[in-house]
Amino acid sequence: AAPTLLSEEDLCCPVCHDVFRDPVVLSCSHSFCKDCLQSWWTEKPTQECPVCKKRSLYEPPCNLVLKNLCESFLLERDQRTSETLCSLHSEKLKLFCLDHQQPVCVVCRDSEKHSNHRFRPIDEAARQHKKKLQETLESLKEKLKVFEQVKIKFAQTYTCMNVYMQACRSVKLDLCC
């Protein structure tokens, strides 16, 4: 994703000080959350802008551009915060401890628990683990293929043995009678 040029502050409603929800725009060009503006107006005798106090004579339209910007910003922010953080230090997990086989943050790296340990950048360690998993998977696929062939041979042998046993029983009956 491209870096965001707008800060969260740029996308905040002047009434609730949170990122706009369903923003509307007044004739003075100020924008507000629809609910914030409605609440503000219910407390006032006239419909005026909470920022510049200019009167508004109509129901304000949705500020679609601002709404789209806010939705994109919130989506990007949620993706950033969903990055895994260290449970001890709330720092981003950027390293992988080769000795403990676990992701760590830079604070963990410098801690007593990980002194004299070997580290790799987490993306490099992830690539190495993925490569090992793919190699193991290929090996397992080959073993599965051999197993399937043995299973087919076993089924064929079982069928042949049943036919042979039926033939033996038939011969035995013929000899006895």
N, C-alpha and C. Protein backbone atom coordinates (compact mmCIF):
# COMPACT_ATOMS: atom_id res chain seq x y z
N ALA A 1 0.84 -1.19 0.00
CA ALA A 1 0.00 0.00 0.00
C ALA A 1 0.88 1.24 0.00
N ALA A 2 0.45 2.27 -0.69
CA ALA A 2 1.17 3.53 -0.74
C ALA A 2 1.08 4.21 0.61
N PRO A 3 2.16 4.93 1.01
CA PRO A 3 2.11 5.60 2.29
C PRO A 3 1.02 6.67 2.32
N THR A 4 0.35 6.79 3.44
CA THR A 4 -0.73 7.76 3.58
C THR A 4 -0.13 9.15 3.81
N LEU A 5 -0.59 10.12 3.03
CA LEU A 5 -0.10 11.49 3.17
C LEU A 5 -0.90 12.24 4.23
N LEU A 6 -2.11 11.79 4.50
CA LEU A 6 -2.96 12.43 5.50
C LEU A 6 -2.74 11.78 6.85
N SER A 7 -2.76 12.60 7.89
CA SER A 7 -2.67 12.04 9.23
C SER A 7 -4.08 11.78 9.74
N GLU A 8 -4.17 11.06 10.83
CA GLU A 8 -5.48 10.78 11.42
C GLU A 8 -6.17 12.08 11.82
N GLU A 9 -5.38 13.04 12.26
CA GLU A 9 -5.91 14.34 12.68
C GLU A 9 -6.63 15.05 11.53
N ASP A 10 -6.11 14.88 10.30
CA ASP A 10 -6.74 15.50 9.12
C ASP A 10 -8.11 14.92 8.82
N LEU A 11 -8.36 13.71 9.30
CA LEU A 11 -9.61 13.01 8.99
C LEU A 11 -10.54 12.94 10.19
N CYS A 12 -10.35 13.86 11.14
CA CYS A 12 -11.16 13.84 12.36
C CYS A 12 -12.27 14.89 12.34
N CYS A 13 -13.39 14.48 12.84
CA CYS A 13 -14.55 15.37 12.99
C CYS A 13 -14.24 16.40 14.08
N PRO A 14 -14.51 17.68 13.85
CA PRO A 14 -14.25 18.71 14.87
C PRO A 14 -15.14 18.58 16.10
N VAL A 15 -16.22 17.81 16.00
CA VAL A 15 -17.12 17.66 17.15
C VAL A 15 -16.70 16.49 18.04
N CYS A 16 -16.57 15.29 17.45
CA CYS A 16 -16.25 14.10 18.26
C CYS A 16 -14.75 13.81 18.32
N HIS A 17 -13.96 14.46 17.48
CA HIS A 17 -12.50 14.28 17.43
C HIS A 17 -12.10 12.85 17.10
N ASP A 18 -12.95 12.16 16.36
CA ASP A 18 -12.65 10.81 15.90
C ASP A 18 -12.70 10.83 14.37
N VAL A 19 -12.19 9.77 13.72
CA VAL A 19 -12.23 9.70 12.26
C VAL A 19 -13.70 9.77 11.82
N PHE A 20 -13.95 10.57 10.78
CA PHE A 20 -15.32 10.80 10.30
C PHE A 20 -16.07 9.50 10.05
N ARG A 21 -17.33 9.48 10.49
CA ARG A 21 -18.27 8.40 10.18
C ARG A 21 -19.43 9.05 9.41
N ASP A 22 -19.68 8.58 8.22
CA ASP A 22 -20.72 9.16 7.35
C ASP A 22 -20.60 10.69 7.30
N PRO A 23 -19.48 11.21 6.80
CA PRO A 23 -19.29 12.67 6.80
C PRO A 23 -20.25 13.39 5.86
N VAL A 24 -20.68 14.56 6.32
CA VAL A 24 -21.50 15.46 5.51
C VAL A 24 -20.76 16.79 5.42
N VAL A 25 -21.07 17.55 4.37
CA VAL A 25 -20.39 18.83 4.17
C VAL A 25 -21.43 19.95 4.17
N LEU A 26 -21.10 21.02 4.89
CA LEU A 26 -21.99 22.19 4.95
C LEU A 26 -21.63 23.17 3.83
N SER A 27 -22.48 24.15 3.62
CA SER A 27 -22.24 25.15 2.57
C SER A 27 -20.97 25.95 2.83
N CYS A 28 -20.52 26.00 4.08
CA CYS A 28 -19.28 26.71 4.42
C CYS A 28 -18.04 25.85 4.16
N SER A 29 -18.27 24.61 3.70
CA SER A 29 -17.23 23.63 3.35
C SER A 29 -16.65 22.87 4.54
N HIS A 30 -17.16 23.11 5.74
CA HIS A 30 -16.73 22.31 6.89
C HIS A 30 -17.47 20.97 6.87
N SER A 31 -16.77 19.93 7.29
CA SER A 31 -17.37 18.59 7.31
C SER A 31 -17.47 18.06 8.74
N PHE A 32 -18.48 17.21 8.94
CA PHE A 32 -18.76 16.61 10.26
C PHE A 32 -19.34 15.23 10.06
N CYS A 33 -19.27 14.41 11.10
CA CYS A 33 -20.01 13.15 11.07
C CYS A 33 -21.49 13.52 11.04
N LYS A 34 -22.25 12.78 10.29
CA LYS A 34 -23.68 13.08 10.17
C LYS A 34 -24.35 13.09 11.55
N ASP A 35 -24.07 12.07 12.37
CA ASP A 35 -24.69 11.98 13.70
C ASP A 35 -24.23 13.11 14.62
N CYS A 36 -22.95 13.47 14.52
CA CYS A 36 -22.43 14.57 15.36
C CYS A 36 -23.14 15.88 15.04
N LEU A 37 -23.30 16.13 13.74
CA LEU A 37 -23.96 17.37 13.33
C LEU A 37 -25.43 17.38 13.78
N GLN A 38 -26.11 16.25 13.62
CA GLN A 38 -27.52 16.16 14.05
C GLN A 38 -27.63 16.41 15.56
N SER A 39 -26.73 15.82 16.33
CA SER A 39 -26.75 16.03 17.79
C SER A 39 -26.48 17.49 18.13
N TRP A 40 -25.52 18.09 17.43
CA TRP A 40 -25.18 19.49 17.67
C TRP A 40 -26.39 20.38 17.38
N TRP A 41 -27.05 20.10 16.28
CA TRP A 41 -28.19 20.92 15.88
C TRP A 41 -29.39 20.74 16.81
N THR A 42 -29.57 19.59 17.40
CA THR A 42 -30.71 19.41 18.32
C THR A 42 -30.53 20.24 19.59
N GLU A 43 -29.30 20.60 19.89
CA GLU A 43 -29.03 21.41 21.09
C GLU A 43 -29.05 22.91 20.80
N LYS A 44 -29.13 23.29 19.54
CA LYS A 44 -29.07 24.71 19.15
C LYS A 44 -30.40 25.16 18.56
N PRO A 45 -30.71 26.44 18.71
CA PRO A 45 -31.96 26.96 18.13
C PRO A 45 -31.91 27.06 16.60
N THR A 46 -30.69 27.20 16.04
CA THR A 46 -30.56 27.30 14.57
C THR A 46 -29.56 26.26 14.06
N GLN A 47 -29.69 25.95 12.77
CA GLN A 47 -28.74 25.02 12.16
C GLN A 47 -27.52 25.81 11.71
N GLU A 48 -26.51 25.81 12.56
CA GLU A 48 -25.29 26.55 12.22
C GLU A 48 -24.08 25.61 12.27
N CYS A 49 -23.02 26.02 11.60
CA CYS A 49 -21.78 25.25 11.57
C CYS A 49 -21.14 25.31 12.96
N PRO A 50 -20.77 24.17 13.52
CA PRO A 50 -20.12 24.17 14.84
C PRO A 50 -18.76 24.87 14.85
N VAL A 51 -18.15 25.05 13.67
CA VAL A 51 -16.83 25.68 13.62
C VAL A 51 -16.94 27.19 13.37
N CYS A 52 -17.59 27.58 12.27
CA CYS A 52 -17.61 29.00 11.89
C CYS A 52 -18.94 29.69 12.20
N LYS A 53 -19.93 28.95 12.67
CA LYS A 53 -21.25 29.45 13.07
C LYS A 53 -22.11 29.96 11.91
N LYS A 54 -21.68 29.71 10.67
CA LYS A 54 -22.50 30.10 9.52
C LYS A 54 -23.75 29.22 9.49
N ARG A 55 -24.90 29.86 9.20
CA ARG A 55 -26.17 29.12 9.18
C ARG A 55 -26.26 28.24 7.94
N SER A 56 -26.85 27.09 8.14
CA SER A 56 -27.06 26.15 7.04
C SER A 56 -28.56 26.03 6.83
N LEU A 57 -29.01 26.21 5.60
CA LEU A 57 -30.44 26.23 5.32
C LEU A 57 -30.95 24.93 4.69
N TYR A 58 -30.11 23.97 4.51
CA TYR A 58 -30.54 22.73 3.87
C TYR A 58 -29.91 21.53 4.57
N GLU A 59 -30.43 20.36 4.25
CA GLU A 59 -29.88 19.11 4.79
C GLU A 59 -28.53 18.87 4.09
N PRO A 60 -27.45 18.79 4.84
CA PRO A 60 -26.13 18.68 4.20
C PRO A 60 -25.94 17.35 3.46
N PRO A 61 -25.33 17.41 2.28
CA PRO A 61 -25.09 16.19 1.52
C PRO A 61 -23.89 15.40 2.07
N CYS A 62 -23.86 14.13 1.70
CA CYS A 62 -22.74 13.27 2.09
C CYS A 62 -21.47 13.77 1.41
N ASN A 63 -20.38 13.79 2.14
CA ASN A 63 -19.08 14.15 1.58
C ASN A 63 -18.42 12.84 1.16
N LEU A 64 -18.74 12.40 -0.05
CA LEU A 64 -18.33 11.08 -0.53
C LEU A 64 -16.81 10.93 -0.62
N VAL A 65 -16.12 11.97 -1.07
CA VAL A 65 -14.66 11.91 -1.18
C VAL A 65 -14.05 11.70 0.20
N LEU A 66 -14.52 12.47 1.17
CA LEU A 66 -14.00 12.34 2.53
C LEU A 66 -14.35 10.97 3.12
N LYS A 67 -15.54 10.50 2.83
CA LYS A 67 -15.96 9.18 3.32
C LYS A 67 -15.03 8.10 2.78
N ASN A 68 -14.73 8.15 1.48
CA ASN A 68 -13.83 7.17 0.88
C ASN A 68 -12.42 7.27 1.45
N LEU A 69 -11.95 8.49 1.66
CA LEU A 69 -10.63 8.69 2.27
C LEU A 69 -10.58 8.08 3.66
N CYS A 70 -11.61 8.32 4.45
CA CYS A 70 -11.66 7.80 5.82
C CYS A 70 -11.71 6.28 5.83
N GLU A 71 -12.51 5.70 4.94
CA GLU A 71 -12.60 4.24 4.88
C GLU A 71 -11.26 3.63 4.50
N SER A 72 -10.56 4.25 3.53
CA SER A 72 -9.24 3.76 3.13
C SER A 72 -8.25 3.89 4.28
N PHE A 73 -8.29 5.04 4.95
CA PHE A 73 -7.39 5.28 6.08
C PHE A 73 -7.62 4.24 7.18
N LEU A 74 -8.88 4.00 7.53
CA LEU A 74 -9.20 3.04 8.60
C LEU A 74 -8.78 1.62 8.21
N LEU A 75 -8.95 1.27 6.95
CA LEU A 75 -8.55 -0.05 6.47
C LEU A 75 -7.04 -0.21 6.59
N GLU A 76 -6.30 0.81 6.15
CA GLU A 76 -4.84 0.77 6.23
C GLU A 76 -4.38 0.73 7.69
N ARG A 77 -5.03 1.52 8.54
CA ARG A 77 -4.67 1.55 9.96
C ARG A 77 -4.91 0.18 10.60
N ASP A 78 -6.04 -0.44 10.26
CA ASP A 78 -6.35 -1.76 10.80
C ASP A 78 -5.33 -2.79 10.35
N GLN A 79 -4.87 -2.68 9.11
CA GLN A 79 -3.86 -3.62 8.61
C GLN A 79 -2.54 -3.41 9.34
N ARG A 80 -2.18 -2.16 9.60
CA ARG A 80 -0.94 -1.88 10.33
C ARG A 80 -1.01 -2.42 11.74
N THR A 81 -2.12 -2.22 12.42
CA THR A 81 -2.24 -2.66 13.81
C THR A 81 -2.42 -4.15 13.92
N SER A 82 -2.80 -4.81 12.80
CA SER A 82 -2.95 -6.26 12.86
C SER A 82 -1.60 -6.96 12.75
N GLU A 83 -0.53 -6.21 12.45
CA GLU A 83 0.79 -6.81 12.43
C GLU A 83 1.07 -7.34 13.83
N THR A 84 1.69 -8.50 13.88
CA THR A 84 1.91 -9.15 15.16
C THR A 84 2.90 -8.36 16.00
N LEU A 85 2.50 -8.11 17.25
CA LEU A 85 3.34 -7.38 18.19
C LEU A 85 3.82 -8.32 19.28
N CYS A 86 4.96 -7.99 19.85
CA CYS A 86 5.52 -8.75 20.96
C CYS A 86 4.58 -8.65 22.16
N SER A 87 4.26 -9.78 22.74
CA SER A 87 3.33 -9.79 23.89
C SER A 87 3.98 -9.19 25.14
N LEU A 88 5.31 -9.16 25.18
CA LEU A 88 6.00 -8.59 26.35
C LEU A 88 6.23 -7.09 26.23
N HIS A 89 6.58 -6.63 25.01
CA HIS A 89 7.00 -5.23 24.85
C HIS A 89 6.13 -4.42 23.90
N SER A 90 5.13 -5.03 23.29
CA SER A 90 4.24 -4.36 22.32
C SER A 90 5.01 -3.71 21.17
N GLU A 91 6.14 -4.31 20.83
CA GLU A 91 6.94 -3.86 19.69
C GLU A 91 6.69 -4.81 18.53
N LYS A 92 6.92 -4.34 17.31
CA LYS A 92 6.73 -5.19 16.13
C LYS A 92 7.77 -6.31 16.14
N LEU A 93 7.32 -7.52 15.81
CA LEU A 93 8.22 -8.67 15.75
C LEU A 93 8.99 -8.61 14.43
N LYS A 94 10.27 -8.22 14.52
CA LYS A 94 11.07 -8.03 13.31
C LYS A 94 12.15 -9.10 13.15
N LEU A 95 12.43 -9.83 14.23
CA LEU A 95 13.52 -10.81 14.21
C LEU A 95 13.02 -12.20 14.56
N PHE A 96 13.85 -13.20 14.22
CA PHE A 96 13.53 -14.58 14.58
C PHE A 96 14.73 -15.14 15.33
N CYS A 97 14.50 -15.60 16.57
CA CYS A 97 15.56 -16.20 17.38
C CYS A 97 15.75 -17.64 16.91
N LEU A 98 16.93 -17.94 16.35
CA LEU A 98 17.20 -19.28 15.83
C LEU A 98 17.34 -20.29 16.96
N ASP A 99 17.79 -19.84 18.14
CA ASP A 99 17.98 -20.75 19.27
C ASP A 99 16.65 -21.17 19.90
N HIS A 100 15.72 -20.24 20.02
CA HIS A 100 14.41 -20.56 20.61
C HIS A 100 13.36 -20.87 19.54
N GLN A 101 13.71 -20.64 18.27
CA GLN A 101 12.78 -20.87 17.16
C GLN A 101 11.47 -20.11 17.37
N GLN A 102 11.62 -18.79 17.64
CA GLN A 102 10.43 -17.96 17.85
C GLN A 102 10.70 -16.53 17.40
N PRO A 103 9.65 -15.83 16.94
CA PRO A 103 9.80 -14.42 16.56
C PRO A 103 10.00 -13.56 17.81
N VAL A 104 10.84 -12.52 17.66
CA VAL A 104 11.12 -11.62 18.79
C VAL A 104 11.20 -10.18 18.29
N CYS A 105 11.05 -9.25 19.22
CA CYS A 105 11.22 -7.83 18.90
C CYS A 105 12.67 -7.44 19.21
N VAL A 106 13.04 -6.20 18.90
CA VAL A 106 14.42 -5.76 19.16
C VAL A 106 14.71 -5.66 20.65
N VAL A 107 13.69 -5.39 21.47
CA VAL A 107 13.89 -5.33 22.92
C VAL A 107 14.19 -6.73 23.46
N CYS A 108 13.45 -7.72 22.97
CA CYS A 108 13.70 -9.12 23.37
C CYS A 108 15.13 -9.53 23.00
N ARG A 109 15.56 -9.13 21.79
CA ARG A 109 16.90 -9.50 21.32
C ARG A 109 17.97 -9.06 22.32
N ASP A 110 17.79 -7.87 22.88
CA ASP A 110 18.78 -7.32 23.80
C ASP A 110 18.58 -7.78 25.24
N SER A 111 17.57 -8.60 25.48
CA SER A 111 17.28 -9.03 26.85
C SER A 111 18.16 -10.20 27.28
N GLU A 112 18.18 -10.43 28.59
CA GLU A 112 18.94 -11.53 29.19
C GLU A 112 18.53 -12.88 28.61
N LYS A 113 17.24 -13.04 28.40
CA LYS A 113 16.69 -14.32 27.92
C LYS A 113 17.30 -14.75 26.58
N HIS A 114 17.68 -13.78 25.75
CA HIS A 114 18.20 -14.09 24.42
C HIS A 114 19.68 -13.71 24.26
N SER A 115 20.41 -13.58 25.37
CA SER A 115 21.82 -13.19 25.25
C SER A 115 22.60 -14.30 24.55
N ASN A 116 23.51 -13.90 23.68
CA ASN A 116 24.36 -14.81 22.89
C ASN A 116 23.57 -15.71 21.94
N HIS A 117 22.37 -15.31 21.58
CA HIS A 117 21.57 -16.08 20.64
C HIS A 117 21.81 -15.58 19.22
N ARG A 118 21.43 -16.41 18.25
CA ARG A 118 21.54 -16.06 16.83
C ARG A 118 20.17 -15.62 16.33
N PHE A 119 20.17 -14.55 15.50
CA PHE A 119 18.92 -13.98 14.99
C PHE A 119 19.00 -13.81 13.48
N ARG A 120 17.84 -13.82 12.85
CA ARG A 120 17.68 -13.51 11.43
C ARG A 120 16.50 -12.55 11.31
N PRO A 121 16.51 -11.73 10.26
CA PRO A 121 15.30 -10.93 10.01
C PRO A 121 14.13 -11.89 9.83
N ILE A 122 12.98 -11.52 10.34
CA ILE A 122 11.84 -12.44 10.37
C ILE A 122 11.40 -12.88 8.97
N ASP A 123 11.49 -11.97 7.97
CA ASP A 123 11.08 -12.36 6.62
C ASP A 123 12.04 -13.39 6.02
N GLU A 124 13.34 -13.25 6.34
CA GLU A 124 14.33 -14.22 5.87
C GLU A 124 14.09 -15.59 6.52
N ALA A 125 13.84 -15.59 7.83
CA ALA A 125 13.55 -16.84 8.54
C ALA A 125 12.28 -17.48 8.01
N ALA A 126 11.29 -16.66 7.70
CA ALA A 126 10.03 -17.18 7.16
C ALA A 126 10.27 -17.84 5.81
N ARG A 127 11.10 -17.22 4.96
CA ARG A 127 11.42 -17.82 3.65
C ARG A 127 12.13 -19.16 3.83
N GLN A 128 13.08 -19.22 4.79
CA GLN A 128 13.81 -20.47 5.04
C GLN A 128 12.87 -21.55 5.55
N HIS A 129 11.97 -21.20 6.47
CA HIS A 129 11.01 -22.17 6.99
C HIS A 129 10.06 -22.64 5.89
N LYS A 130 9.64 -21.71 5.04
CA LYS A 130 8.75 -22.07 3.94
C LYS A 130 9.44 -23.04 3.00
N LYS A 131 10.73 -22.79 2.71
CA LYS A 131 11.50 -23.67 1.83
C LYS A 131 11.59 -25.07 2.43
N LYS A 132 11.89 -25.14 3.75
CA LYS A 132 11.97 -26.45 4.42
C LYS A 132 10.62 -27.17 4.39
N LEU A 133 9.55 -26.42 4.62
CA LEU A 133 8.21 -27.02 4.58
C LEU A 133 7.89 -27.56 3.19
N GLN A 134 8.28 -26.80 2.15
CA GLN A 134 8.02 -27.25 0.78
C GLN A 134 8.81 -28.52 0.47
N GLU A 135 10.07 -28.58 0.96
CA GLU A 135 10.89 -29.78 0.75
C GLU A 135 10.26 -30.97 1.47
N THR A 136 9.82 -30.76 2.70
CA THR A 136 9.17 -31.83 3.47
C THR A 136 7.89 -32.27 2.79
N LEU A 137 7.14 -31.31 2.27
CA LEU A 137 5.89 -31.61 1.58
C LEU A 137 6.16 -32.46 0.34
N GLU A 138 7.20 -32.11 -0.42
CA GLU A 138 7.54 -32.89 -1.62
C GLU A 138 7.90 -34.32 -1.23
N SER A 139 8.68 -34.47 -0.16
CA SER A 139 9.06 -35.80 0.33
C SER A 139 7.82 -36.59 0.73
N LEU A 140 6.91 -35.95 1.43
CA LEU A 140 5.67 -36.62 1.85
C LEU A 140 4.81 -36.99 0.65
N LYS A 141 4.79 -36.13 -0.36
CA LYS A 141 4.03 -36.44 -1.58
C LYS A 141 4.59 -37.70 -2.25
N GLU A 142 5.93 -37.80 -2.30
CA GLU A 142 6.56 -38.99 -2.89
C GLU A 142 6.21 -40.24 -2.09
N LYS A 143 6.27 -40.14 -0.76
CA LYS A 143 5.93 -41.28 0.10
C LYS A 143 4.47 -41.67 -0.07
N LEU A 144 3.61 -40.67 -0.21
CA LEU A 144 2.18 -40.94 -0.41
C LEU A 144 1.96 -41.67 -1.74
N LYS A 145 2.70 -41.25 -2.77
CA LYS A 145 2.59 -41.89 -4.08
C LYS A 145 3.00 -43.37 -3.98
N VAL A 146 4.12 -43.64 -3.28
CA VAL A 146 4.58 -45.02 -3.08
C VAL A 146 3.53 -45.80 -2.29
N PHE A 147 3.01 -45.18 -1.24
CA PHE A 147 1.98 -45.84 -0.41
C PHE A 147 0.76 -46.20 -1.24
N GLU A 148 0.32 -45.28 -2.10
CA GLU A 148 -0.84 -45.53 -2.96
C GLU A 148 -0.57 -46.71 -3.90
N GLN A 149 0.68 -46.78 -4.43
CA GLN A 149 1.04 -47.90 -5.32
C GLN A 149 1.02 -49.22 -4.55
N VAL A 150 1.56 -49.22 -3.31
CA VAL A 150 1.56 -50.42 -2.47
C VAL A 150 0.13 -50.82 -2.15
N LYS A 151 -0.72 -49.85 -1.88
CA LYS A 151 -2.13 -50.11 -1.57
C LYS A 151 -2.82 -50.79 -2.75
N ILE A 152 -2.54 -50.30 -3.96
CA ILE A 152 -3.12 -50.90 -5.17
C ILE A 152 -2.63 -52.34 -5.33
N LYS A 153 -1.30 -52.55 -5.13
CA LYS A 153 -0.73 -53.90 -5.24
C LYS A 153 -1.36 -54.82 -4.19
N PHE A 154 -1.53 -54.31 -2.98
CA PHE A 154 -2.14 -55.10 -1.90
C PHE A 154 -3.56 -55.50 -2.27
N ALA A 155 -4.33 -54.56 -2.81
CA ALA A 155 -5.71 -54.85 -3.22
C ALA A 155 -5.73 -55.90 -4.33
N GLN A 156 -4.79 -55.79 -5.28
CA GLN A 156 -4.71 -56.78 -6.36
C GLN A 156 -4.35 -58.16 -5.81
N THR A 157 -3.39 -58.19 -4.88
CA THR A 157 -2.97 -59.45 -4.26
C THR A 157 -4.13 -60.06 -3.49
N TYR A 158 -4.86 -59.24 -2.76
CA TYR A 158 -6.01 -59.70 -1.99
C TYR A 158 -7.06 -60.33 -2.91
N THR A 159 -7.32 -59.66 -4.02
CA THR A 159 -8.29 -60.17 -5.00
C THR A 159 -7.81 -61.50 -5.58
N CYS A 160 -6.53 -61.57 -5.94
CA CYS A 160 -5.97 -62.82 -6.49
C CYS A 160 -6.05 -63.96 -5.47
N MET A 161 -5.76 -63.65 -4.21
CA MET A 161 -5.81 -64.68 -3.16
C MET A 161 -7.24 -65.18 -2.97
N ASN A 162 -8.21 -64.27 -3.03
CA ASN A 162 -9.61 -64.68 -2.91
C ASN A 162 -10.02 -65.59 -4.06
N VAL A 163 -9.60 -65.24 -5.27
CA VAL A 163 -9.90 -66.06 -6.45
C VAL A 163 -9.25 -67.44 -6.28
N TYR A 164 -7.98 -67.45 -5.82
CA TYR A 164 -7.25 -68.72 -5.60
C TYR A 164 -7.95 -69.57 -4.55
N MET A 165 -8.39 -68.92 -3.43
CA MET A 165 -9.08 -69.66 -2.37
C MET A 165 -10.40 -70.24 -2.88
N GLN A 166 -11.12 -69.47 -3.68
CA GLN A 166 -12.37 -69.98 -4.26
C GLN A 166 -12.09 -71.18 -5.17
N ALA A 167 -11.00 -71.09 -5.93
CA ALA A 167 -10.63 -72.19 -6.82
C ALA A 167 -10.25 -73.43 -6.01
N CYS A 168 -9.51 -73.22 -4.91
CA CYS A 168 -9.12 -74.34 -4.03
C CYS A 168 -10.35 -75.01 -3.44
N ARG A 169 -11.30 -74.21 -2.98
CA ARG A 169 -12.53 -74.76 -2.40
C ARG A 169 -13.30 -75.57 -3.46
N SER A 170 -13.31 -75.03 -4.65
CA SER A 170 -14.03 -75.71 -5.74
C SER A 170 -13.37 -77.06 -6.06
N VAL A 171 -12.02 -77.07 -6.10
CA VAL A 171 -11.28 -78.31 -6.37
C VAL A 171 -11.51 -79.30 -5.24
N LYS A 172 -11.47 -78.80 -3.98
CA LYS A 172 -11.69 -79.66 -2.80
C LYS A 172 -13.07 -80.30 -2.86
N LEU A 173 -14.08 -79.52 -3.23
CA LEU A 173 -15.44 -80.05 -3.34
C LEU A 173 -15.52 -81.11 -4.44
N ASP A 174 -14.81 -80.85 -5.55
CA ASP A 174 -14.82 -81.80 -6.66
C ASP A 174 -14.16 -83.12 -6.25
N LEU A 175 -13.08 -83.05 -5.44
CA LEU A 175 -12.37 -84.25 -5.00
C LEU A 175 -13.17 -85.04 -3.98
N CYS A 176 -13.89 -84.32 -3.14
CA CYS A 176 -14.67 -84.98 -2.08
C CYS A 176 -15.90 -85.66 -2.65
N CYS A 177 -16.45 -85.19 -3.68
CA CYS A 177 -17.72 -85.72 -4.19
C CYS A 177 -17.55 -86.69 -5.30
